[in-house]
Amino acid sequence: AQVRMLEAQLRDKEMEIELLKKVKELE
């Protein structure tokens, strides 16, 4: 359960970074 939670947090962070890259690229 702890591994699943950490993997979910990692995916969230990766998506956040990708989103920030797209925003900066669009700007």
mmCIF file of all heavy atoms, coordinates in Angstrom:
data_MODEL
# 
_entry.id   MODEL 
# 
loop_
_atom_site.group_PDB 
_atom_site.id 
_atom_site.type_symbol 
_atom_site.label_atom_id 
_atom_site.label_alt_id 
_atom_site.label_comp_id 
_atom_site.label_asym_id 
_atom_site.label_entity_id 
_atom_site.label_seq_id 
_atom_site.pdbx_PDB_ins_code 
_atom_site.Cartn_x 
_atom_site.Cartn_y 
_atom_site.Cartn_z 
_atom_site.occupancy 
_atom_site.B_iso_or_equiv 
_atom_site.pdbx_formal_charge 
_atom_site.auth_seq_id 
_atom_site.auth_comp_id 
_atom_site.auth_asym_id 
_atom_site.auth_atom_id 
_atom_site.pdbx_PDB_model_num 
ATOM 1   N N   . ALA A 1 1  ? 0.837  -1.199 0.000   1.00 0.00 ? 1  ALA A N   1 
ATOM 2   C CA  . ALA A 1 1  ? 0.000  0.000  0.000   1.00 0.00 ? 1  ALA A CA  1 
ATOM 3   C C   . ALA A 1 1  ? 0.875  1.254  0.000   1.00 0.00 ? 1  ALA A C   1 
ATOM 4   O O   . ALA A 1 1  ? 0.579  2.231  -0.703  1.00 0.00 ? 1  ALA A O   1 
ATOM 5   C CB  . ALA A 1 1  ? -0.928 0.001  1.212   1.00 0.00 ? 1  ALA A CB  1 
ATOM 6   N N   . GLN A 1 2  ? 1.955  1.212  0.769   1.00 0.00 ? 2  GLN A N   1 
ATOM 7   C CA  . GLN A 1 2  ? 2.867  2.359  0.831   1.00 0.00 ? 2  GLN A CA  1 
ATOM 8   C C   . GLN A 1 2  ? 3.536  2.573  -0.537  1.00 0.00 ? 2  GLN A C   1 
ATOM 9   O O   . GLN A 1 2  ? 3.672  3.708  -0.996  1.00 0.00 ? 2  GLN A O   1 
ATOM 10  C CB  . GLN A 1 2  ? 3.914  2.128  1.920   1.00 0.00 ? 2  GLN A CB  1 
ATOM 11  C CG  . GLN A 1 2  ? 4.789  3.335  2.193   1.00 0.00 ? 2  GLN A CG  1 
ATOM 12  C CD  . GLN A 1 2  ? 5.756  3.086  3.334   1.00 0.00 ? 2  GLN A CD  1 
ATOM 13  O OE1 . GLN A 1 2  ? 5.888  1.960  3.830   1.00 0.00 ? 2  GLN A OE1 1 
ATOM 14  N NE2 . GLN A 1 2  ? 6.434  4.145  3.759   1.00 0.00 ? 2  GLN A NE2 1 
ATOM 15  N N   . VAL A 1 3  ? 3.941  1.498  -1.195  1.00 0.00 ? 3  VAL A N   1 
ATOM 16  C CA  . VAL A 1 3  ? 4.554  1.594  -2.522  1.00 0.00 ? 3  VAL A CA  1 
ATOM 17  C C   . VAL A 1 3  ? 3.562  2.201  -3.512  1.00 0.00 ? 3  VAL A C   1 
ATOM 18  O O   . VAL A 1 3  ? 3.905  3.084  -4.295  1.00 0.00 ? 3  VAL A O   1 
ATOM 19  C CB  . VAL A 1 3  ? 5.048  0.205  -3.006  1.00 0.00 ? 3  VAL A CB  1 
ATOM 20  C CG1 . VAL A 1 3  ? 5.366  0.222  -4.482  1.00 0.00 ? 3  VAL A CG1 1 
ATOM 21  C CG2 . VAL A 1 3  ? 6.264  -0.228 -2.214  1.00 0.00 ? 3  VAL A CG2 1 
ATOM 22  N N   . ARG A 1 4  ? 2.306  1.733  -3.474  1.00 0.00 ? 4  ARG A N   1 
ATOM 23  C CA  . ARG A 1 4  ? 1.281  2.282  -4.378  1.00 0.00 ? 4  ARG A CA  1 
ATOM 24  C C   . ARG A 1 4  ? 1.078  3.773  -4.136  1.00 0.00 ? 4  ARG A C   1 
ATOM 25  O O   . ARG A 1 4  ? 0.926  4.555  -5.081  1.00 0.00 ? 4  ARG A O   1 
ATOM 26  C CB  . ARG A 1 4  ? -0.048 1.537  -4.200  1.00 0.00 ? 4  ARG A CB  1 
ATOM 27  C CG  . ARG A 1 4  ? -0.085 0.192  -4.885  1.00 0.00 ? 4  ARG A CG  1 
ATOM 28  C CD  . ARG A 1 4  ? -1.482 -0.385 -4.944  1.00 0.00 ? 4  ARG A CD  1 
ATOM 29  N NE  . ARG A 1 4  ? -2.113 -0.564 -3.639  1.00 0.00 ? 4  ARG A NE  1 
ATOM 30  C CZ  . ARG A 1 4  ? -2.011 -1.656 -2.889  1.00 0.00 ? 4  ARG A CZ  1 
ATOM 31  N NH1 . ARG A 1 4  ? -1.303 -2.685 -3.318  1.00 0.00 ? 4  ARG A NH1 1 
ATOM 32  N NH2 . ARG A 1 4  ? -2.604 -1.716 -1.724  1.00 0.00 ? 4  ARG A NH2 1 
ATOM 33  N N   . MET A 1 5  ? 1.089  4.176  -2.867  1.00 0.00 ? 5  MET A N   1 
ATOM 34  C CA  . MET A 1 5  ? 0.902  5.588  -2.541  1.00 0.00 ? 5  MET A CA  1 
ATOM 35  C C   . MET A 1 5  ? 2.084  6.422  -3.051  1.00 0.00 ? 5  MET A C   1 
ATOM 36  O O   . MET A 1 5  ? 1.898  7.488  -3.649  1.00 0.00 ? 5  MET A O   1 
ATOM 37  C CB  . MET A 1 5  ? 0.760  5.755  -1.013  1.00 0.00 ? 5  MET A CB  1 
ATOM 38  C CG  . MET A 1 5  ? 0.223  7.102  -0.616  1.00 0.00 ? 5  MET A CG  1 
ATOM 39  S SD  . MET A 1 5  ? -0.309 7.188  1.108   1.00 0.00 ? 5  MET A SD  1 
ATOM 40  C CE  . MET A 1 5  ? 1.144  6.681  1.986   1.00 0.00 ? 5  MET A CE  1 
ATOM 41  N N   . LEU A 1 6  ? 3.293  5.930  -2.863  1.00 0.00 ? 6  LEU A N   1 
ATOM 42  C CA  . LEU A 1 6  ? 4.472  6.658  -3.341  1.00 0.00 ? 6  LEU A CA  1 
ATOM 43  C C   . LEU A 1 6  ? 4.503  6.730  -4.873  1.00 0.00 ? 6  LEU A C   1 
ATOM 44  O O   . LEU A 1 6  ? 4.878  7.767  -5.436  1.00 0.00 ? 6  LEU A O   1 
ATOM 45  C CB  . LEU A 1 6  ? 5.751  5.999  -2.808  1.00 0.00 ? 6  LEU A CB  1 
ATOM 46  C CG  . LEU A 1 6  ? 5.986  6.158  -1.297  1.00 0.00 ? 6  LEU A CG  1 
ATOM 47  C CD1 . LEU A 1 6  ? 7.149  5.281  -0.847  1.00 0.00 ? 6  LEU A CD1 1 
ATOM 48  C CD2 . LEU A 1 6  ? 6.232  7.607  -0.927  1.00 0.00 ? 6  LEU A CD2 1 
ATOM 49  N N   . GLU A 1 7  ? 4.105  5.651  -5.530  1.00 0.00 ? 7  GLU A N   1 
ATOM 50  C CA  . GLU A 1 7  ? 4.047  5.664  -6.994  1.00 0.00 ? 7  GLU A CA  1 
ATOM 51  C C   . GLU A 1 7  ? 3.023  6.684  -7.488  1.00 0.00 ? 7  GLU A C   1 
ATOM 52  O O   . GLU A 1 7  ? 3.261  7.394  -8.467  1.00 0.00 ? 7  GLU A O   1 
ATOM 53  C CB  . GLU A 1 7  ? 3.702  4.270  -7.532  1.00 0.00 ? 7  GLU A CB  1 
ATOM 54  C CG  . GLU A 1 7  ? 4.847  3.289  -7.439  1.00 0.00 ? 7  GLU A CG  1 
ATOM 55  C CD  . GLU A 1 7  ? 4.447  1.861  -7.816  1.00 0.00 ? 7  GLU A CD  1 
ATOM 56  O OE1 . GLU A 1 7  ? 3.227  1.542  -7.835  1.00 0.00 ? 7  GLU A OE1 1 
ATOM 57  O OE2 . GLU A 1 7  ? 5.364  1.065  -8.095  1.00 0.00 ? 7  GLU A OE2 1 
ATOM 58  N N   . ALA A 1 8  ? 1.888  6.783  -6.804  1.00 0.00 ? 8  ALA A N   1 
ATOM 59  C CA  . ALA A 1 8  ? 0.862  7.759  -7.182  1.00 0.00 ? 8  ALA A CA  1 
ATOM 60  C C   . ALA A 1 8  ? 1.388  9.174  -6.995  1.00 0.00 ? 8  ALA A C   1 
ATOM 61  O O   . ALA A 1 8  ? 1.165  10.058 -7.837  1.00 0.00 ? 8  ALA A O   1 
ATOM 62  C CB  . ALA A 1 8  ? -0.404 7.543  -6.357  1.00 0.00 ? 8  ALA A CB  1 
ATOM 63  N N   . GLN A 1 9  ? 2.114  9.418  -5.883  1.00 0.00 ? 9  GLN A N   1 
ATOM 64  C CA  . GLN A 1 9  ? 2.697  10.749 -5.651  1.00 0.00 ? 9  GLN A CA  1 
ATOM 65  C C   . GLN A 1 9  ? 3.722  11.084 -6.735  1.00 0.00 ? 9  GLN A C   1 
ATOM 66  O O   . GLN A 1 9  ? 3.766  12.219 -7.228  1.00 0.00 ? 9  GLN A O   1 
ATOM 67  C CB  . GLN A 1 9  ? 3.370  10.807 -4.267  1.00 0.00 ? 9  GLN A CB  1 
ATOM 68  C CG  . GLN A 1 9  ? 2.393  10.823 -3.114  1.00 0.00 ? 9  GLN A CG  1 
ATOM 69  C CD  . GLN A 1 9  ? 3.087  10.735 -1.761  1.00 0.00 ? 9  GLN A CD  1 
ATOM 70  O OE1 . GLN A 1 9  ? 4.291  10.519 -1.675  1.00 0.00 ? 9  GLN A OE1 1 
ATOM 71  N NE2 . GLN A 1 9  ? 2.313  10.879 -0.695  1.00 0.00 ? 9  GLN A NE2 1 
ATOM 72  N N   . LEU A 1 10 ? 4.511  10.103 -7.128  1.00 0.00 ? 10 LEU A N   1 
ATOM 73  C CA  . LEU A 1 10 ? 5.507  10.306 -8.177  1.00 0.00 ? 10 LEU A CA  1 
ATOM 74  C C   . LEU A 1 10 ? 4.831  10.657 -9.502  1.00 0.00 ? 10 LEU A C   1 
ATOM 75  O O   . LEU A 1 10 ? 5.250  11.587 -10.196 1.00 0.00 ? 10 LEU A O   1 
ATOM 76  C CB  . LEU A 1 10 ? 6.373  9.047  -8.333  1.00 0.00 ? 10 LEU A CB  1 
ATOM 77  C CG  . LEU A 1 10 ? 7.472  9.095  -9.380  1.00 0.00 ? 10 LEU A CG  1 
ATOM 78  C CD1 . LEU A 1 10 ? 8.466  10.217 -9.070  1.00 0.00 ? 10 LEU A CD1 1 
ATOM 79  C CD2 . LEU A 1 10 ? 8.193  7.764  -9.463  1.00 0.00 ? 10 LEU A CD2 1 
ATOM 80  N N   . ARG A 1 11 ? 3.766  9.925  -9.842  1.00 0.00 ? 11 ARG A N   1 
ATOM 81  C CA  . ARG A 1 11 ? 3.022  10.242 -11.077 1.00 0.00 ? 11 ARG A CA  1 
ATOM 82  C C   . ARG A 1 11 ? 2.451  11.655 -11.033 1.00 0.00 ? 11 ARG A C   1 
ATOM 83  O O   . ARG A 1 11 ? 2.479  12.376 -12.024 1.00 0.00 ? 11 ARG A O   1 
ATOM 84  C CB  . ARG A 1 11 ? 1.885  9.227  -11.288 1.00 0.00 ? 11 ARG A CB  1 
ATOM 85  C CG  . ARG A 1 11 ? 2.339  7.935  -11.926 1.00 0.00 ? 11 ARG A CG  1 
ATOM 86  C CD  . ARG A 1 11 ? 1.156  7.080  -12.389 1.00 0.00 ? 11 ARG A CD  1 
ATOM 87  N NE  . ARG A 1 11 ? 0.163  6.807  -11.346 1.00 0.00 ? 11 ARG A NE  1 
ATOM 88  C CZ  . ARG A 1 11 ? 0.253  5.807  -10.464 1.00 0.00 ? 11 ARG A CZ  1 
ATOM 89  N NH1 . ARG A 1 11 ? 1.276  4.976  -10.494 1.00 0.00 ? 11 ARG A NH1 1 
ATOM 90  N NH2 . ARG A 1 11 ? -0.695 5.638  -9.566  1.00 0.00 ? 11 ARG A NH2 1 
ATOM 91  N N   . ASP A 1 12 ? 1.926  12.050 -9.866  1.00 0.00 ? 12 ASP A N   1 
ATOM 92  C CA  . ASP A 1 12 ? 1.382  13.410 -9.722  1.00 0.00 ? 12 ASP A CA  1 
ATOM 93  C C   . ASP A 1 12 ? 2.468  14.454 -9.961  1.00 0.00 ? 12 ASP A C   1 
ATOM 94  O O   . ASP A 1 12 ? 2.237  15.449 -10.652 1.00 0.00 ? 12 ASP A O   1 
ATOM 95  C CB  . ASP A 1 12 ? 0.766  13.608 -8.334  1.00 0.00 ? 12 ASP A CB  1 
ATOM 96  C CG  . ASP A 1 12 ? -0.545 12.855 -8.156  1.00 0.00 ? 12 ASP A CG  1 
ATOM 97  O OD1 . ASP A 1 12 ? -1.102 12.388 -9.171  1.00 0.00 ? 12 ASP A OD1 1 
ATOM 98  O OD2 . ASP A 1 12 ? -1.003 12.745 -6.999  1.00 0.00 ? 12 ASP A OD2 1 
ATOM 99  N N   . LYS A 1 13 ? 3.641  14.242 -9.401  1.00 0.00 ? 13 LYS A N   1 
ATOM 100 C CA  . LYS A 1 13 ? 4.754  15.194 -9.569  1.00 0.00 ? 13 LYS A CA  1 
ATOM 101 C C   . LYS A 1 13 ? 5.201  15.255 -11.028 1.00 0.00 ? 13 LYS A C   1 
ATOM 102 O O   . LYS A 1 13 ? 5.475  16.334 -11.553 1.00 0.00 ? 13 LYS A O   1 
ATOM 103 C CB  . LYS A 1 13 ? 5.947  14.812 -8.670  1.00 0.00 ? 13 LYS A CB  1 
ATOM 104 C CG  . LYS A 1 13 ? 5.702  14.992 -7.202  1.00 0.00 ? 13 LYS A CG  1 
ATOM 105 C CD  . LYS A 1 13 ? 5.561  16.458 -6.863  1.00 0.00 ? 13 LYS A CD  1 
ATOM 106 C CE  . LYS A 1 13 ? 5.322  16.622 -5.375  1.00 0.00 ? 13 LYS A CE  1 
ATOM 107 N NZ  . LYS A 1 13 ? 4.930  17.978 -5.024  1.00 0.00 ? 13 LYS A NZ  1 
ATOM 108 N N   . GLU A 1 14 ? 5.263  14.082 -11.672 1.00 0.00 ? 14 GLU A N   1 
ATOM 109 C CA  . GLU A 1 14 ? 5.657  14.049 -13.089 1.00 0.00 ? 14 GLU A CA  1 
ATOM 110 C C   . GLU A 1 14 ? 4.646  14.800 -13.954 1.00 0.00 ? 14 GLU A C   1 
ATOM 111 O O   . GLU A 1 14 ? 5.023  15.545 -14.856 1.00 0.00 ? 14 GLU A O   1 
ATOM 112 C CB  . GLU A 1 14 ? 5.803  12.603 -13.574 1.00 0.00 ? 14 GLU A CB  1 
ATOM 113 C CG  . GLU A 1 14 ? 7.029  11.906 -13.004 1.00 0.00 ? 14 GLU A CG  1 
ATOM 114 C CD  . GLU A 1 14 ? 7.068  10.409 -13.312 1.00 0.00 ? 14 GLU A CD  1 
ATOM 115 O OE1 . GLU A 1 14 ? 6.037  9.847  -13.772 1.00 0.00 ? 14 GLU A OE1 1 
ATOM 116 O OE2 . GLU A 1 14 ? 8.124  9.799  -13.078 1.00 0.00 ? 14 GLU A OE2 1 
ATOM 117 N N   . MET A 1 15 ? 3.356  14.621 -13.658 1.00 0.00 ? 15 MET A N   1 
ATOM 118 C CA  . MET A 1 15 ? 2.329  15.341 -14.418 1.00 0.00 ? 15 MET A CA  1 
ATOM 119 C C   . MET A 1 15 ? 2.423  16.845 -14.171 1.00 0.00 ? 15 MET A C   1 
ATOM 120 O O   . MET A 1 15 ? 2.249  17.651 -15.081 1.00 0.00 ? 15 MET A O   1 
ATOM 121 C CB  . MET A 1 15 ? 0.922  14.833 -14.043 1.00 0.00 ? 15 MET A CB  1 
ATOM 122 C CG  . MET A 1 15 ? 0.605  13.484 -14.635 1.00 0.00 ? 15 MET A CG  1 
ATOM 123 S SD  . MET A 1 15 ? -1.133 12.964 -14.546 1.00 0.00 ? 15 MET A SD  1 
ATOM 124 C CE  . MET A 1 15 ? -1.567 13.228 -12.856 1.00 0.00 ? 15 MET A CE  1 
ATOM 125 N N   . GLU A 1 16 ? 2.718  17.242 -12.933 1.00 0.00 ? 16 GLU A N   1 
ATOM 126 C CA  . GLU A 1 16 ? 2.855  18.663 -12.591 1.00 0.00 ? 16 GLU A CA  1 
ATOM 127 C C   . GLU A 1 16 ? 4.016  19.286 -13.370 1.00 0.00 ? 16 GLU A C   1 
ATOM 128 O O   . GLU A 1 16 ? 3.892  20.379 -13.924 1.00 0.00 ? 16 GLU A O   1 
ATOM 129 C CB  . GLU A 1 16 ? 3.085  18.801 -11.077 1.00 0.00 ? 16 GLU A CB  1 
ATOM 130 C CG  . GLU A 1 16 ? 3.092  20.221 -10.581 1.00 0.00 ? 16 GLU A CG  1 
ATOM 131 C CD  . GLU A 1 16 ? 3.297  20.308 -9.070  1.00 0.00 ? 16 GLU A CD  1 
ATOM 132 O OE1 . GLU A 1 16 ? 3.036  19.311 -8.355  1.00 0.00 ? 16 GLU A OE1 1 
ATOM 133 O OE2 . GLU A 1 16 ? 3.727  21.391 -8.624  1.00 0.00 ? 16 GLU A OE2 1 
ATOM 134 N N   . ILE A 1 17 ? 5.134  18.569 -13.442 1.00 0.00 ? 17 ILE A N   1 
ATOM 135 C CA  . ILE A 1 17 ? 6.303  19.073 -14.185 1.00 0.00 ? 17 ILE A CA  1 
ATOM 136 C C   . ILE A 1 17 ? 5.965  19.212 -15.663 1.00 0.00 ? 17 ILE A C   1 
ATOM 137 O O   . ILE A 1 17 ? 6.281  20.229 -16.291 1.00 0.00 ? 17 ILE A O   1 
ATOM 138 C CB  . ILE A 1 17 ? 7.525  18.145 -13.963 1.00 0.00 ? 17 ILE A CB  1 
ATOM 139 C CG1 . ILE A 1 17 ? 8.029  18.275 -12.520 1.00 0.00 ? 17 ILE A CG1 1 
ATOM 140 C CG2 . ILE A 1 17 ? 8.636  18.444 -14.972 1.00 0.00 ? 17 ILE A CG2 1 
ATOM 141 C CD1 . ILE A 1 17 ? 9.051  17.227 -12.121 1.00 0.00 ? 17 ILE A CD1 1 
ATOM 142 N N   . GLU A 1 18 ? 5.287  18.192 -16.230 1.00 0.00 ? 18 GLU A N   1 
ATOM 143 C CA  . GLU A 1 18 ? 4.886  18.245 -17.641 1.00 0.00 ? 18 GLU A CA  1 
ATOM 144 C C   . GLU A 1 18 ? 3.943  19.416 -17.896 1.00 0.00 ? 18 GLU A C   1 
ATOM 145 O O   . GLU A 1 18 ? 4.052  20.098 -18.914 1.00 0.00 ? 18 GLU A O   1 
ATOM 146 C CB  . GLU A 1 18 ? 4.234  16.929 -18.078 1.00 0.00 ? 18 GLU A CB  1 
ATOM 147 C CG  . GLU A 1 18 ? 5.195  15.769 -18.202 1.00 0.00 ? 18 GLU A CG  1 
ATOM 148 C CD  . GLU A 1 18 ? 6.266  16.012 -19.243 1.00 0.00 ? 18 GLU A CD  1 
ATOM 149 O OE1 . GLU A 1 18 ? 5.963  16.504 -20.350 1.00 0.00 ? 18 GLU A OE1 1 
ATOM 150 O OE2 . GLU A 1 18 ? 7.441  15.713 -18.936 1.00 0.00 ? 18 GLU A OE2 1 
ATOM 151 N N   . LEU A 1 19 ? 3.040  19.656 -16.982 1.00 0.00 ? 19 LEU A N   1 
ATOM 152 C CA  . LEU A 1 19 ? 2.104  20.767 -17.117 1.00 0.00 ? 19 LEU A CA  1 
ATOM 153 C C   . LEU A 1 19 ? 2.850  22.097 -17.100 1.00 0.00 ? 19 LEU A C   1 
ATOM 154 O O   . LEU A 1 19 ? 2.594  22.984 -17.924 1.00 0.00 ? 19 LEU A O   1 
ATOM 155 C CB  . LEU A 1 19 ? 1.053  20.712 -16.004 1.00 0.00 ? 19 LEU A CB  1 
ATOM 156 C CG  . LEU A 1 19 ? 0.024  21.832 -16.005 1.00 0.00 ? 19 LEU A CG  1 
ATOM 157 C CD1 . LEU A 1 19 ? -0.837 21.752 -17.261 1.00 0.00 ? 19 LEU A CD1 1 
ATOM 158 C CD2 . LEU A 1 19 ? -0.841 21.776 -14.759 1.00 0.00 ? 19 LEU A CD2 1 
ATOM 159 N N   . LEU A 1 20 ? 3.788  22.242 -16.179 1.00 0.00 ? 20 LEU A N   1 
ATOM 160 C CA  . LEU A 1 20 ? 4.568  23.481 -16.099 1.00 0.00 ? 20 LEU A CA  1 
ATOM 161 C C   . LEU A 1 20 ? 5.396  23.691 -17.371 1.00 0.00 ? 20 LEU A C   1 
ATOM 162 O O   . LEU A 1 20 ? 5.522  24.813 -17.857 1.00 0.00 ? 20 LEU A O   1 
ATOM 163 C CB  . LEU A 1 20 ? 5.477  23.470 -14.859 1.00 0.00 ? 20 LEU A CB  1 
ATOM 164 C CG  . LEU A 1 20 ? 4.746  23.603 -13.515 1.00 0.00 ? 20 LEU A CG  1 
ATOM 165 C CD1 . LEU A 1 20 ? 5.715  23.372 -12.364 1.00 0.00 ? 20 LEU A CD1 1 
ATOM 166 C CD2 . LEU A 1 20 ? 4.063  24.950 -13.394 1.00 0.00 ? 20 LEU A CD2 1 
ATOM 167 N N   . LYS A 1 21 ? 5.940  22.603 -17.937 1.00 0.00 ? 21 LYS A N   1 
ATOM 168 C CA  . LYS A 1 21 ? 6.692  22.702 -19.187 1.00 0.00 ? 21 LYS A CA  1 
ATOM 169 C C   . LYS A 1 21 ? 5.791  23.223 -20.299 1.00 0.00 ? 21 LYS A C   1 
ATOM 170 O O   . LYS A 1 21 ? 6.172  24.111 -21.062 1.00 0.00 ? 21 LYS A O   1 
ATOM 171 C CB  . LYS A 1 21 ? 7.247  21.324 -19.597 1.00 0.00 ? 21 LYS A CB  1 
ATOM 172 C CG  . LYS A 1 21 ? 8.423  20.845 -18.810 1.00 0.00 ? 21 LYS A CG  1 
ATOM 173 C CD  . LYS A 1 21 ? 8.841  19.483 -19.359 1.00 0.00 ? 21 LYS A CD  1 
ATOM 174 C CE  . LYS A 1 21 ? 9.888  18.813 -18.529 1.00 0.00 ? 21 LYS A CE  1 
ATOM 175 N NZ  . LYS A 1 21 ? 10.247 17.487 -19.069 1.00 0.00 ? 21 LYS A NZ  1 
ATOM 176 N N   . LYS A 1 22 ? 4.558  22.676 -20.396 1.00 0.00 ? 22 LYS A N   1 
ATOM 177 C CA  . LYS A 1 22 ? 3.620  23.084 -21.444 1.00 0.00 ? 22 LYS A CA  1 
ATOM 178 C C   . LYS A 1 22 ? 3.225  24.547 -21.273 1.00 0.00 ? 22 LYS A C   1 
ATOM 179 O O   . LYS A 1 22 ? 3.155  25.297 -22.246 1.00 0.00 ? 22 LYS A O   1 
ATOM 180 C CB  . LYS A 1 22 ? 2.359  22.224 -21.407 1.00 0.00 ? 22 LYS A CB  1 
ATOM 181 C CG  . LYS A 1 22 ? 2.485  20.926 -22.113 1.00 0.00 ? 22 LYS A CG  1 
ATOM 182 C CD  . LYS A 1 22 ? 2.541  21.164 -23.598 1.00 0.00 ? 22 LYS A CD  1 
ATOM 183 C CE  . LYS A 1 22 ? 2.557  19.841 -24.313 1.00 0.00 ? 22 LYS A CE  1 
ATOM 184 N NZ  . LYS A 1 22 ? 3.021  19.959 -25.673 1.00 0.00 ? 22 LYS A NZ  1 
ATOM 185 N N   . VAL A 1 23 ? 2.973  24.972 -20.043 1.00 0.00 ? 23 VAL A N   1 
ATOM 186 C CA  . VAL A 1 23 ? 2.589  26.368 -19.789 1.00 0.00 ? 23 VAL A CA  1 
ATOM 187 C C   . VAL A 1 23 ? 3.714  27.296 -20.222 1.00 0.00 ? 23 VAL A C   1 
ATOM 188 O O   . VAL A 1 23 ? 3.485  28.293 -20.919 1.00 0.00 ? 23 VAL A O   1 
ATOM 189 C CB  . VAL A 1 23 ? 2.236  26.583 -18.293 1.00 0.00 ? 23 VAL A CB  1 
ATOM 190 C CG1 . VAL A 1 23 ? 2.110  28.054 -17.949 1.00 0.00 ? 23 VAL A CG1 1 
ATOM 191 C CG2 . VAL A 1 23 ? 0.954  25.843 -17.940 1.00 0.00 ? 23 VAL A CG2 1 
ATOM 192 N N   . LYS A 1 24 ? 4.929  26.972 -19.849 1.00 0.00 ? 24 LYS A N   1 
ATOM 193 C CA  . LYS A 1 24 ? 6.086  27.803 -20.198 1.00 0.00 ? 24 LYS A CA  1 
ATOM 194 C C   . LYS A 1 24 ? 6.276  27.825 -21.720 1.00 0.00 ? 24 LYS A C   1 
ATOM 195 O O   . LYS A 1 24 ? 6.547  28.869 -22.297 1.00 0.00 ? 24 LYS A O   1 
ATOM 196 C CB  . LYS A 1 24 ? 7.338  27.242 -19.501 1.00 0.00 ? 24 LYS A CB  1 
ATOM 197 C CG  . LYS A 1 24 ? 8.477  28.180 -19.460 1.00 0.00 ? 24 LYS A CG  1 
ATOM 198 C CD  . LYS A 1 24 ? 8.116  29.372 -18.577 1.00 0.00 ? 24 LYS A CD  1 
ATOM 199 C CE  . LYS A 1 24 ? 9.356  30.176 -18.259 1.00 0.00 ? 24 LYS A CE  1 
ATOM 200 N NZ  . LYS A 1 24 ? 9.031  31.423 -17.616 1.00 0.00 ? 24 LYS A NZ  1 
ATOM 201 N N   . GLU A 1 25 ? 6.088  26.663 -22.352 1.00 0.00 ? 25 GLU A N   1 
ATOM 202 C CA  . GLU A 1 25 ? 6.226  26.564 -23.808 1.00 0.00 ? 25 GLU A CA  1 
ATOM 203 C C   . GLU A 1 25 ? 5.171  27.421 -24.503 1.00 0.00 ? 25 GLU A C   1 
ATOM 204 O O   . GLU A 1 25 ? 5.448  28.114 -25.477 1.00 0.00 ? 25 GLU A O   1 
ATOM 205 C CB  . GLU A 1 25 ? 6.072  25.099 -24.222 1.00 0.00 ? 25 GLU A CB  1 
ATOM 206 C CG  . GLU A 1 25 ? 6.293  24.836 -25.691 1.00 0.00 ? 25 GLU A CG  1 
ATOM 207 C CD  . GLU A 1 25 ? 6.094  23.356 -26.016 1.00 0.00 ? 25 GLU A CD  1 
ATOM 208 O OE1 . GLU A 1 25 ? 6.734  22.503 -25.355 1.00 0.00 ? 25 GLU A OE1 1 
ATOM 209 O OE2 . GLU A 1 25 ? 5.275  23.083 -26.925 1.00 0.00 ? 25 GLU A OE2 1 
ATOM 210 N N   . LEU A 1 26 ? 3.945  27.403 -23.987 1.00 0.00 ? 26 LEU A N   1 
ATOM 211 C CA  . LEU A 1 26 ? 2.871  28.200 -24.575 1.00 0.00 ? 26 LEU A CA  1 
ATOM 212 C C   . LEU A 1 26 ? 3.081  29.699 -24.354 1.00 0.00 ? 26 LEU A C   1 
ATOM 213 O O   . LEU A 1 26 ? 2.630  30.519 -25.147 1.00 0.00 ? 26 LEU A O   1 
ATOM 214 C CB  . LEU A 1 26 ? 1.518  27.777 -23.992 1.00 0.00 ? 26 LEU A CB  1 
ATOM 215 C CG  . LEU A 1 26 ? 1.034  26.386 -24.422 1.00 0.00 ? 26 LEU A CG  1 
ATOM 216 C CD1 . LEU A 1 26 ? -0.215 26.000 -23.642 1.00 0.00 ? 26 LEU A CD1 1 
ATOM 217 C CD2 . LEU A 1 26 ? 0.753  26.342 -25.911 1.00 0.00 ? 26 LEU A CD2 1 
ATOM 218 N N   . GLU A 1 27 ? 3.756  30.046 -23.287 1.00 0.00 ? 27 GLU A N   1 
ATOM 219 C CA  . GLU A 1 27 ? 4.068  31.449 -23.025 1.00 0.00 ? 27 GLU A CA  1 
ATOM 220 C C   . GLU A 1 27 ? 5.211  31.938 -23.912 1.00 0.00 ? 27 GLU A C   1 
ATOM 221 O O   . GLU A 1 27 ? 5.545  33.111 -23.894 1.00 0.00 ? 27 GLU A O   1 
ATOM 222 C CB  . GLU A 1 27 ? 4.423  31.645 -21.541 1.00 0.00 ? 27 GLU A CB  1 
ATOM 223 C CG  . GLU A 1 27 ? 3.234  31.499 -20.616 1.00 0.00 ? 27 GLU A CG  1 
ATOM 224 C CD  . GLU A 1 27 ? 3.613  31.588 -19.143 1.00 0.00 ? 27 GLU A CD  1 
ATOM 225 O OE1 . GLU A 1 27 ? 4.826  31.574 -18.807 1.00 0.00 ? 27 GLU A OE1 1 
ATOM 226 O OE2 . GLU A 1 27 ? 2.691  31.655 -18.315 1.00 0.00 ? 27 GLU A OE2 1 
# 
